Amino acid sequence: MPLTKPNQQLRRDLKDAAFALESAALEIFHNAQGGEESQFMEAMKRVGELHELADRLVGYGDEVKARRIERHKAD
């Protein structure tokens, strides 16, 4: 049985948010290159945090697909 429309939208939103975080991480990385080492290391810490959050969102999307997380209609 296919996902309901609300669950399809939830999964799409989670994937889009994960992609936005990955894009932001890449931009931070590129902007940090060529800077001072301390700033670069701080930026890499932030990039790592963004990647972790993106991975978590992708995992939630997988859980929606597997029907372990569902969105219900609001009454």
PDB file of N, CA and C in Angstrom:
ATOM      1  N   MET A   1       0.842  -1.178   0.000  1.00  0.00           N
ATOM      2  CA  MET A   1       0.000   0.000   0.000  1.00  0.00           C
ATOM      3  C   MET A   1       0.892   1.248   0.000  1.00  0.00           C
ATOM      4  N   PRO A   2       0.646   2.183  -0.905  1.00  0.00           N
ATOM      5  CA  PRO A   2       1.487   3.392  -0.996  1.00  0.00           C
ATOM      6  C   PRO A   2       1.262   4.313   0.208  1.00  0.00           C
ATOM      7  N   LEU A   3       2.204   5.229   0.389  1.00  0.00           N
ATOM      8  CA  LEU A   3       2.096   6.206   1.469  1.00  0.00           C
ATOM      9  C   LEU A   3       0.928   7.154   1.213  1.00  0.00           C
ATOM     10  N   THR A   4       0.327   7.625   2.298  1.00  0.00           N
ATOM     11  CA  THR A   4      -0.721   8.636   2.169  1.00  0.00           C
ATOM     12  C   THR A   4      -0.088   9.943   1.695  1.00  0.00           C
ATOM     13  N   LYS A   5      -0.895  10.835   1.165  1.00  0.00           N
ATOM     14  CA  LYS A   5      -0.374  12.128   0.697  1.00  0.00           C
ATOM     15  C   LYS A   5       0.326  12.909   1.815  1.00  0.00           C
ATOM     16  N   PRO A   6      -0.258  12.973   3.037  1.00  0.00           N
ATOM     17  CA  PRO A   6       0.464  13.689   4.097  1.00  0.00           C
ATOM     18  C   PRO A   6       1.824  13.059   4.410  1.00  0.00           C
ATOM     19  N   ASN A   7       1.910  11.733   4.379  1.00  0.00           N
ATOM     20  CA  ASN A   7       3.186  11.071   4.654  1.00  0.00           C
ATOM     21  C   ASN A   7       4.158  11.244   3.496  1.00  0.00           C
ATOM     22  N   GLN A   8       3.664  11.261   2.269  1.00  0.00           N
ATOM     23  CA  GLN A   8       4.526  11.544   1.125  1.00  0.00           C
ATOM     24  C   GLN A   8       5.118  12.937   1.255  1.00  0.00           C
ATOM     25  N   GLN A   9       4.279  13.901   1.660  1.00  0.00           N
ATOM     26  CA  GLN A   9       4.752  15.278   1.814  1.00  0.00           C
ATOM     27  C   GLN A   9       5.753  15.380   2.953  1.00  0.00           C
ATOM     28  N   LEU A  10       5.488  14.692   4.059  1.00  0.00           N
ATOM     29  CA  LEU A  10       6.416  14.688   5.184  1.00  0.00           C
ATOM     30  C   LEU A  10       7.773  14.147   4.747  1.00  0.00           C
ATOM     31  N   ARG A  11       7.774  13.048   4.032  1.00  0.00           N
ATOM     32  CA  ARG A  11       9.029  12.450   3.567  1.00  0.00           C
ATOM     33  C   ARG A  11       9.767  13.407   2.626  1.00  0.00           C
ATOM     34  N   ARG A  12       9.027  14.015   1.720  1.00  0.00           N
ATOM     35  CA  ARG A  12       9.633  14.989   0.797  1.00  0.00           C
ATOM     36  C   ARG A  12      10.233  16.171   1.561  1.00  0.00           C
ATOM     37  N   ASP A  13       9.490  16.669   2.552  1.00  0.00           N
ATOM     38  CA  ASP A  13       9.977  17.799   3.345  1.00  0.00           C
ATOM     39  C   ASP A  13      11.252  17.435   4.103  1.00  0.00           C
ATOM     40  N   LEU A  14      11.297  16.227   4.656  1.00  0.00           N
ATOM     41  CA  LEU A  14      12.489  15.783   5.375  1.00  0.00           C
ATOM     42  C   LEU A  14      13.686  15.674   4.434  1.00  0.00           C
ATOM     43  N   LYS A  15      13.467  15.128   3.251  1.00  0.00           N
ATOM     44  CA  LYS A  15      14.548  15.014   2.271  1.00  0.00           C
ATOM     45  C   LYS A  15      15.020  16.390   1.826  1.00  0.00           C
ATOM     46  N   ASP A  16      14.087  17.317   1.605  1.00  0.00           N
ATOM     47  CA  ASP A  16      14.445  18.674   1.197  1.00  0.00           C
ATOM     48  C   ASP A  16      15.243  19.392   2.289  1.00  0.00           C
ATOM     49  N   ALA A  17      14.824  19.221   3.547  1.00  0.00           N
ATOM     50  CA  ALA A  17      15.538  19.849   4.653  1.00  0.00           C
ATOM     51  C   ALA A  17      16.948  19.271   4.777  1.00  0.00           C
ATOM     52  N   ALA A  18      17.082  17.964   4.603  1.00  0.00           N
ATOM     53  CA  ALA A  18      18.404  17.328   4.665  1.00  0.00           C
ATOM     54  C   ALA A  18      19.295  17.862   3.550  1.00  0.00           C
ATOM     55  N   PHE A  19      18.752  18.012   2.356  1.00  0.00           N
ATOM     56  CA  PHE A  19      19.526  18.541   1.234  1.00  0.00           C
ATOM     57  C   PHE A  19      19.968  19.980   1.513  1.00  0.00           C
ATOM     58  N   ALA A  20      19.076  20.779   2.105  1.00  0.00           N
ATOM     59  CA  ALA A  20      19.416  22.163   2.425  1.00  0.00           C
ATOM     60  C   ALA A  20      20.549  22.218   3.449  1.00  0.00           C
ATOM     61  N   LEU A  21      20.518  21.320   4.427  1.00  0.00           N
ATOM     62  CA  LEU A  21      21.603  21.275   5.421  1.00  0.00           C
ATOM     63  C   LEU A  21      22.921  20.867   4.774  1.00  0.00           C
ATOM     64  N   GLU A  22      22.876  19.890   3.887  1.00  0.00           N
ATOM     65  CA  GLU A  22      24.093  19.457   3.185  1.00  0.00           C
ATOM     66  C   GLU A  22      24.653  20.595   2.328  1.00  0.00           C
ATOM     67  N   SER A  23      23.764  21.326   1.671  1.00  0.00           N
ATOM     68  CA  SER A  23      24.200  22.461   0.849  1.00  0.00           C
ATOM     69  C   SER A  23      24.831  23.548   1.708  1.00  0.00           C
ATOM     70  N   ALA A  24      24.229  23.819   2.867  1.00  0.00           N
ATOM     71  CA  ALA A  24      24.779  24.817   3.775  1.00  0.00           C
ATOM     72  C   ALA A  24      26.156  24.381   4.279  1.00  0.00           C
ATOM     73  N   ALA A  25      26.295  23.094   4.584  1.00  0.00           N
ATOM     74  CA  ALA A  25      27.582  22.576   5.047  1.00  0.00           C
ATOM     75  C   ALA A  25      28.646  22.748   3.974  1.00  0.00           C
ATOM     76  N   LEU A  26      28.297  22.474   2.734  1.00  0.00           N
ATOM     77  CA  LEU A  26      29.241  22.625   1.634  1.00  0.00           C
ATOM     78  C   LEU A  26      29.646  24.089   1.463  1.00  0.00           C
ATOM     79  N   GLU A  27      28.689  24.994   1.586  1.00  0.00           N
ATOM     80  CA  GLU A  27      28.989  26.422   1.459  1.00  0.00           C
ATOM     81  C   GLU A  27      29.904  26.881   2.591  1.00  0.00           C
ATOM     82  N   ILE A  28      29.636  26.419   3.804  1.00  0.00           N
ATOM     83  CA  ILE A  28      30.501  26.770   4.939  1.00  0.00           C
ATOM     84  C   ILE A  28      31.914  26.268   4.697  1.00  0.00           C
ATOM     85  N   PHE A  29      32.024  25.039   4.208  1.00  0.00           N
ATOM     86  CA  PHE A  29      33.338  24.460   3.927  1.00  0.00           C
ATOM     87  C   PHE A  29      34.096  25.306   2.908  1.00  0.00           C
ATOM     88  N   HIS A  30      33.425  25.636   1.803  1.00  0.00           N
ATOM     89  CA  HIS A  30      34.092  26.426   0.758  1.00  0.00           C
ATOM     90  C   HIS A  30      34.495  27.807   1.267  1.00  0.00           C
ATOM     91  N   ASN A  31      33.649  28.425   2.074  1.00  0.00           N
ATOM     92  CA  ASN A  31      33.961  29.751   2.609  1.00  0.00           C
ATOM     93  C   ASN A  31      35.103  29.704   3.618  1.00  0.00           C
ATOM     94  N   ALA A  32      35.254  28.577   4.294  1.00  0.00           N
ATOM     95  CA  ALA A  32      36.293  28.454   5.323  1.00  0.00           C
ATOM     96  C   ALA A  32      37.665  28.139   4.742  1.00  0.00           C
ATOM     97  N   GLN A  33      37.693  27.629   3.525  1.00  0.00           N
ATOM     98  CA  GLN A  33      38.981  27.297   2.920  1.00  0.00           C
ATOM     99  C   GLN A  33      39.794  28.568   2.718  1.00  0.00           C
ATOM    100  N   GLY A  34      41.062  28.461   2.988  1.00  0.00           N
ATOM    101  CA  GLY A  34      41.943  29.605   2.795  1.00  0.00           C
ATOM    102  C   GLY A  34      41.962  30.568   3.957  1.00  0.00           C
ATOM    103  N   GLY A  35      41.112  30.320   4.951  1.00  0.00           N
ATOM    104  CA  GLY A  35      41.103  31.186   6.125  1.00  0.00           C
ATOM    105  C   GLY A  35      42.110  30.702   7.161  1.00  0.00           C
ATOM    106  N   GLU A  36      42.073  31.344   8.298  1.00  0.00           N
ATOM    107  CA  GLU A  36      42.959  30.942   9.388  1.00  0.00           C
ATOM    108  C   GLU A  36      42.573  29.550   9.886  1.00  0.00           C
ATOM    109  N   GLU A  37      43.573  28.830  10.378  1.00  0.00           N
ATOM    110  CA  GLU A  37      43.336  27.447  10.794  1.00  0.00           C
ATOM    111  C   GLU A  37      42.290  27.344  11.893  1.00  0.00           C
ATOM    112  N   SER A  38      42.305  28.240  12.857  1.00  0.00           N
ATOM    113  CA  SER A  38      41.339  28.173  13.962  1.00  0.00           C
ATOM    114  C   SER A  38      39.912  28.374  13.450  1.00  0.00           C
ATOM    115  N   GLN A  39      39.745  29.301  12.502  1.00  0.00           N
ATOM    116  CA  GLN A  39      38.416  29.522  11.914  1.00  0.00           C
ATOM    117  C   GLN A  39      37.998  28.319  11.080  1.00  0.00           C
ATOM    118  N   PHE A  40      38.965  27.742  10.357  1.00  0.00           N
ATOM    119  CA  PHE A  40      38.671  26.574   9.536  1.00  0.00           C
ATOM    120  C   PHE A  40      38.230  25.403  10.423  1.00  0.00           C
ATOM    121  N   MET A  41      38.920  25.199  11.538  1.00  0.00           N
ATOM    122  CA  MET A  41      38.580  24.090  12.427  1.00  0.00           C
ATOM    123  C   MET A  41      37.196  24.289  13.049  1.00  0.00           C
ATOM    124  N   GLU A  42      36.873  25.510  13.406  1.00  0.00           N
ATOM    125  CA  GLU A  42      35.534  25.803  13.938  1.00  0.00           C
ATOM    126  C   GLU A  42      34.472  25.560  12.867  1.00  0.00           C
ATOM    127  N   ALA A  43      34.769  25.957  11.645  1.00  0.00           N
ATOM    128  CA  ALA A  43      33.830  25.728  10.545  1.00  0.00           C
ATOM    129  C   ALA A  43      33.641  24.236  10.295  1.00  0.00           C
ATOM    130  N   MET A  44      34.714  23.461  10.393  1.00  0.00           N
ATOM    131  CA  MET A  44      34.609  22.013  10.175  1.00  0.00           C
ATOM    132  C   MET A  44      33.767  21.347  11.262  1.00  0.00           C
ATOM    133  N   LYS A  45      33.851  21.885  12.467  1.00  0.00           N
ATOM    134  CA  LYS A  45      33.002  21.377  13.552  1.00  0.00           C
ATOM    135  C   LYS A  45      31.535  21.611  13.199  1.00  0.00           C
ATOM    136  N   ARG A  46      31.240  22.807  12.720  1.00  0.00           N
ATOM    137  CA  ARG A  46      29.850  23.143  12.333  1.00  0.00           C
ATOM    138  C   ARG A  46      29.395  22.297  11.149  1.00  0.00           C
ATOM    139  N   VAL A  47      30.279  22.085  10.186  1.00  0.00           N
ATOM    140  CA  VAL A  47      29.963  21.243   9.026  1.00  0.00           C
ATOM    141  C   VAL A  47      29.615  19.833   9.494  1.00  0.00           C
ATOM    142  N   GLY A  48      30.382  19.304  10.428  1.00  0.00           N
ATOM    143  CA  GLY A  48      30.102  17.979  10.967  1.00  0.00           C
ATOM    144  C   GLY A  48      28.735  17.910  11.634  1.00  0.00           C
ATOM    145  N   GLU A  49      28.394  18.951  12.387  1.00  0.00           N
ATOM    146  CA  GLU A  49      27.088  19.007  13.046  1.00  0.00           C
ATOM    147  C   GLU A  49      25.958  19.036  12.017  1.00  0.00           C
ATOM    148  N   LEU A  50      26.147  19.810  10.952  1.00  0.00           N
ATOM    149  CA  LEU A  50      25.125  19.887   9.909  1.00  0.00           C
ATOM    150  C   LEU A  50      24.952  18.544   9.203  1.00  0.00           C
ATOM    151  N   HIS A  51      26.063  17.866   8.942  1.00  0.00           N
ATOM    152  CA  HIS A  51      25.980  16.542   8.314  1.00  0.00           C
ATOM    153  C   HIS A  51      25.238  15.555   9.218  1.00  0.00           C
ATOM    154  N   GLU A  52      25.499  15.610  10.518  1.00  0.00           N
ATOM    155  CA  GLU A  52      24.801  14.727  11.454  1.00  0.00           C
ATOM    156  C   GLU A  52      23.303  14.988  11.445  1.00  0.00           C
ATOM    157  N   LEU A  53      22.914  16.259  11.444  1.00  0.00           N
ATOM    158  CA  LEU A  53      21.495  16.608  11.397  1.00  0.00           C
ATOM    159  C   LEU A  53      20.860  16.147  10.086  1.00  0.00           C
ATOM    160  N   ALA A  54      21.564  16.334   8.986  1.00  0.00           N
ATOM    161  CA  ALA A  54      21.052  15.900   7.685  1.00  0.00           C
ATOM    162  C   ALA A  54      20.855  14.382   7.668  1.00  0.00           C
ATOM    163  N   ASP A  55      21.823  13.653   8.212  1.00  0.00           N
ATOM    164  CA  ASP A  55      21.702  12.192   8.276  1.00  0.00           C
ATOM    165  C   ASP A  55      20.495  11.782   9.111  1.00  0.00           C
ATOM    166  N   ARG A  56      20.272  12.489  10.207  1.00  0.00           N
ATOM    167  CA  ARG A  56      19.123  12.191  11.066  1.00  0.00           C
ATOM    168  C   ARG A  56      17.812  12.411  10.307  1.00  0.00           C
ATOM    169  N   LEU A  57      17.727  13.500   9.549  1.00  0.00           N
ATOM    170  CA  LEU A  57      16.515  13.777   8.777  1.00  0.00           C
ATOM    171  C   LEU A  57      16.282  12.721   7.702  1.00  0.00           C
ATOM    172  N   VAL A  58      17.350  12.292   7.042  1.00  0.00           N
ATOM    173  CA  VAL A  58      17.227  11.228   6.036  1.00  0.00           C
ATOM    174  C   VAL A  58      16.714   9.960   6.713  1.00  0.00           C
ATOM    175  N   GLY A  59      17.221   9.663   7.900  1.00  0.00           N
ATOM    176  CA  GLY A  59      16.752   8.501   8.648  1.00  0.00           C
ATOM    177  C   GLY A  59      15.283   8.601   8.991  1.00  0.00           C
ATOM    178  N   TYR A  60      14.835   9.786   9.394  1.00  0.00           N
ATOM    179  CA  TYR A  60      13.409   9.979   9.660  1.00  0.00           C
ATOM    180  C   TYR A  60      12.588   9.756   8.392  1.00  0.00           C
ATOM    181  N   GLY A  61      13.102  10.229   7.267  1.00  0.00           N
ATOM    182  CA  GLY A  61      12.413   9.996   5.995  1.00  0.00           C
ATOM    183  C   GLY A  61      12.294   8.514   5.687  1.00  0.00           C
ATOM    184  N   ASP A  62      13.347   7.763   5.982  1.00  0.00           N
ATOM    185  CA  ASP A  62      13.303   6.312   5.791  1.00  0.00           C
ATOM    186  C   ASP A  62      12.272   5.672   6.717  1.00  0.00           C
ATOM    187  N   GLU A  63      12.158   6.198   7.937  1.00  0.00           N
ATOM    188  CA  GLU A  63      11.162   5.678   8.867  1.00  0.00           C
ATOM    189  C   GLU A  63       9.743   5.987   8.391  1.00  0.00           C
ATOM    190  N   VAL A  64       9.549   7.149   7.776  1.00  0.00           N
ATOM    191  CA  VAL A  64       8.243   7.479   7.200  1.00  0.00           C
ATOM    192  C   VAL A  64       7.925   6.479   6.089  1.00  0.00           C
ATOM    193  N   LYS A  65       8.906   6.221   5.227  1.00  0.00           N
ATOM    194  CA  LYS A  65       8.711   5.278   4.125  1.00  0.00           C
ATOM    195  C   LYS A  65       8.373   3.884   4.647  1.00  0.00           C
ATOM    196  N   ALA A  66       9.014   3.478   5.759  1.00  0.00           N
ATOM    197  CA  ALA A  66       8.772   2.163   6.344  1.00  0.00           C
ATOM    198  C   ALA A  66       7.532   2.160   7.244  1.00  0.00           C
ATOM    199  N   ARG A  67       6.870   3.300   7.347  1.00  0.00           N
ATOM    200  CA  ARG A  67       5.635   3.471   8.131  1.00  0.00           C
ATOM    201  C   ARG A  67       5.842   3.360   9.635  1.00  0.00           C
ATOM    202  N   ARG A  68       7.046   3.641  10.092  1.00  0.00           N
ATOM    203  CA  ARG A  68       7.285   3.695  11.536  1.00  0.00           C
ATOM    204  C   ARG A  68       6.956   5.084  12.081  1.00  0.00           C
ATOM    205  N   ILE A  69       6.943   6.087  11.186  1.00  0.00           N
ATOM    206  CA  ILE A  69       6.514   7.442  11.525  1.00  0.00           C
ATOM    207  C   ILE A  69       5.403   7.795  10.546  1.00  0.00           C
ATOM    208  N   GLU A  70       4.291   8.311  11.084  1.00  0.00           N
ATOM    209  CA  GLU A  70       3.175   8.689  10.223  1.00  0.00           C
ATOM    210  C   GLU A  70       2.651  10.051  10.608  1.00  0.00           C
ATOM    211  N   ARG A  71       2.156  10.740   9.612  1.00  0.00           N
ATOM    212  CA  ARG A  71       1.467  12.015   9.835  1.00  0.00           C
ATOM    213  C   ARG A  71      -0.029  11.722   9.720  1.00  0.00           C
ATOM    214  N   HIS A  72      -0.770  12.191  10.696  1.00  0.00           N
ATOM    215  CA  HIS A  72      -2.214  11.988  10.691  1.00  0.00           C
ATOM    216  C   HIS A  72      -2.903  13.296  10.365  1.00  0.00           C
ATOM    217  N   LYS A  73      -4.078  13.189   9.787  1.00  0.00           N
ATOM    218  CA  LYS A  73      -4.851  14.385   9.481  1.00  0.00           C
ATOM    219  C   LYS A  73      -5.217  15.097  10.778  1.00  0.00           C
ATOM    220  N   ALA A  74      -5.148  16.420  10.739  1.00  0.00           N
ATOM    221  CA  ALA A  74      -5.594  17.212  11.900  1.00  0.00           C
ATOM    222  C   ALA A  74      -7.105  17.265  11.874  1.00  0.00           C
ATOM    223  N   ASP A  75      -7.696  17.141  13.045  1.00  0.00           N
ATOM    224  CA  ASP A  75      -9.177  17.184  13.128  1.00  0.00           C
ATOM    225  C   ASP A  75      -9.709  18.578  13.090  1.00  0.00           C
TER     226      ASP A  75
END
